[in-house]
Amino acid sequence: MSRADTIRFRHNQAILVAAIVAFLGALPLATARWWLLWVLLIPLAVALWAWRGGTDADSRELRLRALAGQRRIPWARVAELTADARGRAVVRLDDGELLVLPAVRAADLPRLISATGQELSDTAG
């Protein structure tokens, strides 16, 4: 499967810009005392999460990416794709487990389903 066949959903890049601004704002505090250097780790972690986190979908699987890892879910395990009350996309697995898909909104569900190679049926009328 080529990279071109993968649909990627990522968080808004404004979060990355905010993390850079926070890092620059924390520099005076972190350099005031050596034991305050850990303060710089917080905006760095947010920047890494904003850059790396999200959901990738192709014809074989969903890949949920987080700050320090990823989870692969084959489409065969997906029982339902839906949206919650907050407008986030949620997947229910065959064992009943519910997972919120990072960076995927309810409006993105048709694009997500198209990654499977299947057609979206119009059963809602």
C-alpha atoms as a PDB file:
ATOM      1  CA  MET A   1       0.000   0.000   0.000  1.00  0.00           C
ATOM      2  CA  SER A   2       1.487   3.315  -1.011  1.00  0.00           C
ATOM      3  CA  ARG A   3       1.505   6.476   1.044  1.00  0.00           C
ATOM      4  CA  ALA A   4      -0.778   8.079  -1.554  1.00  0.00           C
ATOM      5  CA  ASP A   5      -3.540   5.632  -0.602  1.00  0.00           C
ATOM      6  CA  THR A   6      -3.436   6.697   3.048  1.00  0.00           C
ATOM      7  CA  ILE A   7      -5.758   9.414   4.313  1.00  0.00           C
ATOM      8  CA  ARG A   8      -4.267  11.408   7.177  1.00  0.00           C
ATOM      9  CA  PHE A   9      -6.123  13.424   9.797  1.00  0.00           C
ATOM     10  CA  ARG A  10      -4.016  15.766  11.939  1.00  0.00           C
ATOM     11  CA  HIS A  11      -4.668  18.334  14.653  1.00  0.00           C
ATOM     12  CA  ASN A  12      -4.824  22.005  13.743  1.00  0.00           C
ATOM     13  CA  GLN A  13      -1.322  23.394  13.251  1.00  0.00           C
ATOM     14  CA  ALA A  14      -2.207  26.440  15.339  1.00  0.00           C
ATOM     15  CA  ILE A  15      -1.512  24.189  18.341  1.00  0.00           C
ATOM     16  CA  LEU A  16       2.069  23.789  17.125  1.00  0.00           C
ATOM     17  CA  VAL A  17       2.462  27.561  16.794  1.00  0.00           C
ATOM     18  CA  ALA A  18       1.055  28.036  20.309  1.00  0.00           C
ATOM     19  CA  ALA A  19       3.548  25.493  21.658  1.00  0.00           C
ATOM     20  CA  ILE A  20       6.439  27.387  20.046  1.00  0.00           C
ATOM     21  CA  VAL A  21       5.206  30.662  21.553  1.00  0.00           C
ATOM     22  CA  ALA A  22       4.865  28.962  24.946  1.00  0.00           C
ATOM     23  CA  PHE A  23       8.394  27.588  24.651  1.00  0.00           C
ATOM     24  CA  LEU A  24       9.774  31.056  23.913  1.00  0.00           C
ATOM     25  CA  GLY A  25       7.732  32.493  26.779  1.00  0.00           C
ATOM     26  CA  ALA A  26       9.054  29.861  29.186  1.00  0.00           C
ATOM     27  CA  LEU A  27      12.711  30.474  28.329  1.00  0.00           C
ATOM     28  CA  PRO A  28      13.227  33.347  30.818  1.00  0.00           C
ATOM     29  CA  LEU A  29      11.672  31.316  33.633  1.00  0.00           C
ATOM     30  CA  ALA A  30      13.572  28.138  32.747  1.00  0.00           C
ATOM     31  CA  THR A  31      16.924  29.905  32.570  1.00  0.00           C
ATOM     32  CA  ALA A  32      16.451  31.786  35.840  1.00  0.00           C
ATOM     33  CA  ARG A  33      17.324  28.683  37.893  1.00  0.00           C
ATOM     34  CA  TRP A  34      18.731  25.352  36.727  1.00  0.00           C
ATOM     35  CA  TRP A  35      15.999  23.372  38.476  1.00  0.00           C
ATOM     36  CA  LEU A  36      13.311  25.149  36.408  1.00  0.00           C
ATOM     37  CA  LEU A  37      14.570  23.739  33.099  1.00  0.00           C
ATOM     38  CA  TRP A  38      11.868  21.051  33.218  1.00  0.00           C
ATOM     39  CA  VAL A  39       9.317  23.778  32.396  1.00  0.00           C
ATOM     40  CA  LEU A  40      10.560  23.676  28.789  1.00  0.00           C
ATOM     41  CA  LEU A  41       9.462  20.049  28.476  1.00  0.00           C
ATOM     42  CA  ILE A  42       5.767  20.966  28.616  1.00  0.00           C
ATOM     43  CA  PRO A  43       5.625  23.073  25.420  1.00  0.00           C
ATOM     44  CA  LEU A  44       7.968  20.585  23.726  1.00  0.00           C
ATOM     45  CA  ALA A  45       5.583  17.729  24.541  1.00  0.00           C
ATOM     46  CA  VAL A  46       2.603  19.729  23.252  1.00  0.00           C
ATOM     47  CA  ALA A  47       4.477  20.551  20.033  1.00  0.00           C
ATOM     48  CA  LEU A  48       5.403  16.892  19.504  1.00  0.00           C
ATOM     49  CA  TRP A  49       1.814  15.798  20.157  1.00  0.00           C
ATOM     50  CA  ALA A  50       0.461  18.402  17.706  1.00  0.00           C
ATOM     51  CA  TRP A  51       2.944  17.322  15.039  1.00  0.00           C
ATOM     52  CA  ARG A  52       2.619  13.545  15.513  1.00  0.00           C
ATOM     53  CA  GLY A  53      -0.891  12.864  16.832  1.00  0.00           C
ATOM     54  CA  GLY A  54      -3.810  11.983  14.603  1.00  0.00           C
ATOM     55  CA  THR A  55      -5.442   9.202  12.640  1.00  0.00           C
ATOM     56  CA  ASP A  56      -4.256   7.492   9.451  1.00  0.00           C
ATOM     57  CA  ALA A  57      -6.591   5.285   7.405  1.00  0.00           C
ATOM     58  CA  ASP A  58      -6.016   3.057   4.423  1.00  0.00           C
ATOM     59  CA  SER A  59      -7.769   0.042   2.931  1.00  0.00           C
ATOM     60  CA  ARG A  60      -6.261  -2.325   5.528  1.00  0.00           C
ATOM     61  CA  GLU A  61      -6.445  -0.528   8.880  1.00  0.00           C
ATOM     62  CA  LEU A  62      -6.896   2.496  11.072  1.00  0.00           C
ATOM     63  CA  ARG A  63      -3.772   3.810  12.776  1.00  0.00           C
ATOM     64  CA  LEU A  64      -4.346   5.968  15.870  1.00  0.00           C
ATOM     65  CA  ARG A  65      -1.206   7.999  16.564  1.00  0.00           C
ATOM     66  CA  ALA A  66      -0.462   9.573  19.932  1.00  0.00           C
ATOM     67  CA  LEU A  67       2.459  11.358  21.561  1.00  0.00           C
ATOM     68  CA  ALA A  68       4.400   8.209  22.387  1.00  0.00           C
ATOM     69  CA  GLY A  69       2.946   5.399  20.332  1.00  0.00           C
ATOM     70  CA  GLN A  70       0.317   4.179  17.958  1.00  0.00           C
ATOM     71  CA  ARG A  71      -2.463   1.636  17.809  1.00  0.00           C
ATOM     72  CA  ARG A  72      -3.357  -0.279  14.655  1.00  0.00           C
ATOM     73  CA  ILE A  73      -6.923  -1.467  14.194  1.00  0.00           C
ATOM     74  CA  PRO A  74      -7.805  -3.674  11.214  1.00  0.00           C
ATOM     75  CA  TRP A  75     -11.063  -2.715   9.504  1.00  0.00           C
ATOM     76  CA  ALA A  76     -12.381  -6.217  10.270  1.00  0.00           C
ATOM     77  CA  ARG A  77     -12.507  -5.257  13.977  1.00  0.00           C
ATOM     78  CA  VAL A  78     -14.550  -2.092  13.346  1.00  0.00           C
ATOM     79  CA  ALA A  79     -18.241  -2.609  14.099  1.00  0.00           C
ATOM     80  CA  GLU A  80     -19.414   0.992  13.793  1.00  0.00           C
ATOM     81  CA  LEU A  81     -18.194   4.486  12.940  1.00  0.00           C
ATOM     82  CA  THR A  82     -20.233   7.261  14.493  1.00  0.00           C
ATOM     83  CA  ALA A  83     -20.007  10.719  16.049  1.00  0.00           C
ATOM     84  CA  ASP A  84     -20.437  11.672  19.684  1.00  0.00           C
ATOM     85  CA  ALA A  85     -22.314  14.675  21.083  1.00  0.00           C
ATOM     86  CA  ARG A  86     -19.170  16.828  20.851  1.00  0.00           C
ATOM     87  CA  GLY A  87     -18.767  16.218  17.113  1.00  0.00           C
ATOM     88  CA  ARG A  88     -15.806  13.850  17.404  1.00  0.00           C
ATOM     89  CA  ALA A  89     -15.593  10.648  15.376  1.00  0.00           C
ATOM     90  CA  VAL A  90     -15.878   7.484  17.453  1.00  0.00           C
ATOM     91  CA  VAL A  91     -15.240   3.881  16.449  1.00  0.00           C
ATOM     92  CA  ARG A  92     -16.878   0.925  18.187  1.00  0.00           C
ATOM     93  CA  LEU A  93     -14.880  -2.283  17.922  1.00  0.00           C
ATOM     94  CA  ASP A  94     -16.259  -5.809  17.671  1.00  0.00           C
ATOM     95  CA  ASP A  95     -15.649  -6.337  21.410  1.00  0.00           C
ATOM     96  CA  GLY A  96     -17.698  -3.224  22.335  1.00  0.00           C
ATOM     97  CA  GLU A  97     -14.722  -0.959  23.057  1.00  0.00           C
ATOM     98  CA  LEU A  98     -15.264   2.688  22.078  1.00  0.00           C
ATOM     99  CA  LEU A  99     -12.336   4.765  20.824  1.00  0.00           C
ATOM    100  CA  VAL A 100     -12.309   8.443  19.929  1.00  0.00           C
ATOM    101  CA  LEU A 101     -10.373   8.940  16.701  1.00  0.00           C
ATOM    102  CA  PRO A 102      -7.763  11.661  17.221  1.00  0.00           C
ATOM    103  CA  ALA A 103      -8.158  14.702  14.931  1.00  0.00           C
ATOM    104  CA  VAL A 104     -11.211  13.262  13.135  1.00  0.00           C
ATOM    105  CA  ARG A 105     -14.469  15.222  13.272  1.00  0.00           C
ATOM    106  CA  ALA A 106     -17.965  14.003  12.451  1.00  0.00           C
ATOM    107  CA  ALA A 107     -17.808  15.872   9.124  1.00  0.00           C
ATOM    108  CA  ASP A 108     -14.720  13.820   8.188  1.00  0.00           C
ATOM    109  CA  LEU A 109     -16.497  10.449   8.427  1.00  0.00           C
ATOM    110  CA  PRO A 110     -17.338  10.171   4.686  1.00  0.00           C
ATOM    111  CA  ARG A 111     -13.664  10.790   3.820  1.00  0.00           C
ATOM    112  CA  LEU A 112     -12.617   8.222   6.423  1.00  0.00           C
ATOM    113  CA  ILE A 113     -15.003   5.619   5.001  1.00  0.00           C
ATOM    114  CA  SER A 114     -13.709   6.289   1.491  1.00  0.00           C
ATOM    115  CA  ALA A 115     -10.275   5.142   2.685  1.00  0.00           C
ATOM    116  CA  THR A 116     -11.693   1.624   3.036  1.00  0.00           C
ATOM    117  CA  GLY A 117     -12.528   1.498  -0.655  1.00  0.00           C
ATOM    118  CA  GLN A 118     -16.215   0.991   0.163  1.00  0.00           C
ATOM    119  CA  GLU A 119     -19.147   3.169  -0.766  1.00  0.00           C
ATOM    120  CA  LEU A 120     -21.115   5.140   1.823  1.00  0.00           C
ATOM    121  CA  SER A 121     -24.729   3.951   1.738  1.00  0.00           C
ATOM    122  CA  ASP A 122     -27.485   6.506   2.110  1.00  0.00           C
ATOM    123  CA  THR A 123     -29.685   4.726   4.668  1.00  0.00           C
ATOM    124  CA  ALA A 124     -30.534   7.893   6.609  1.00  0.00           C
ATOM    125  CA  GLY A 125     -32.848   9.020   3.822  1.00  0.00           C
END
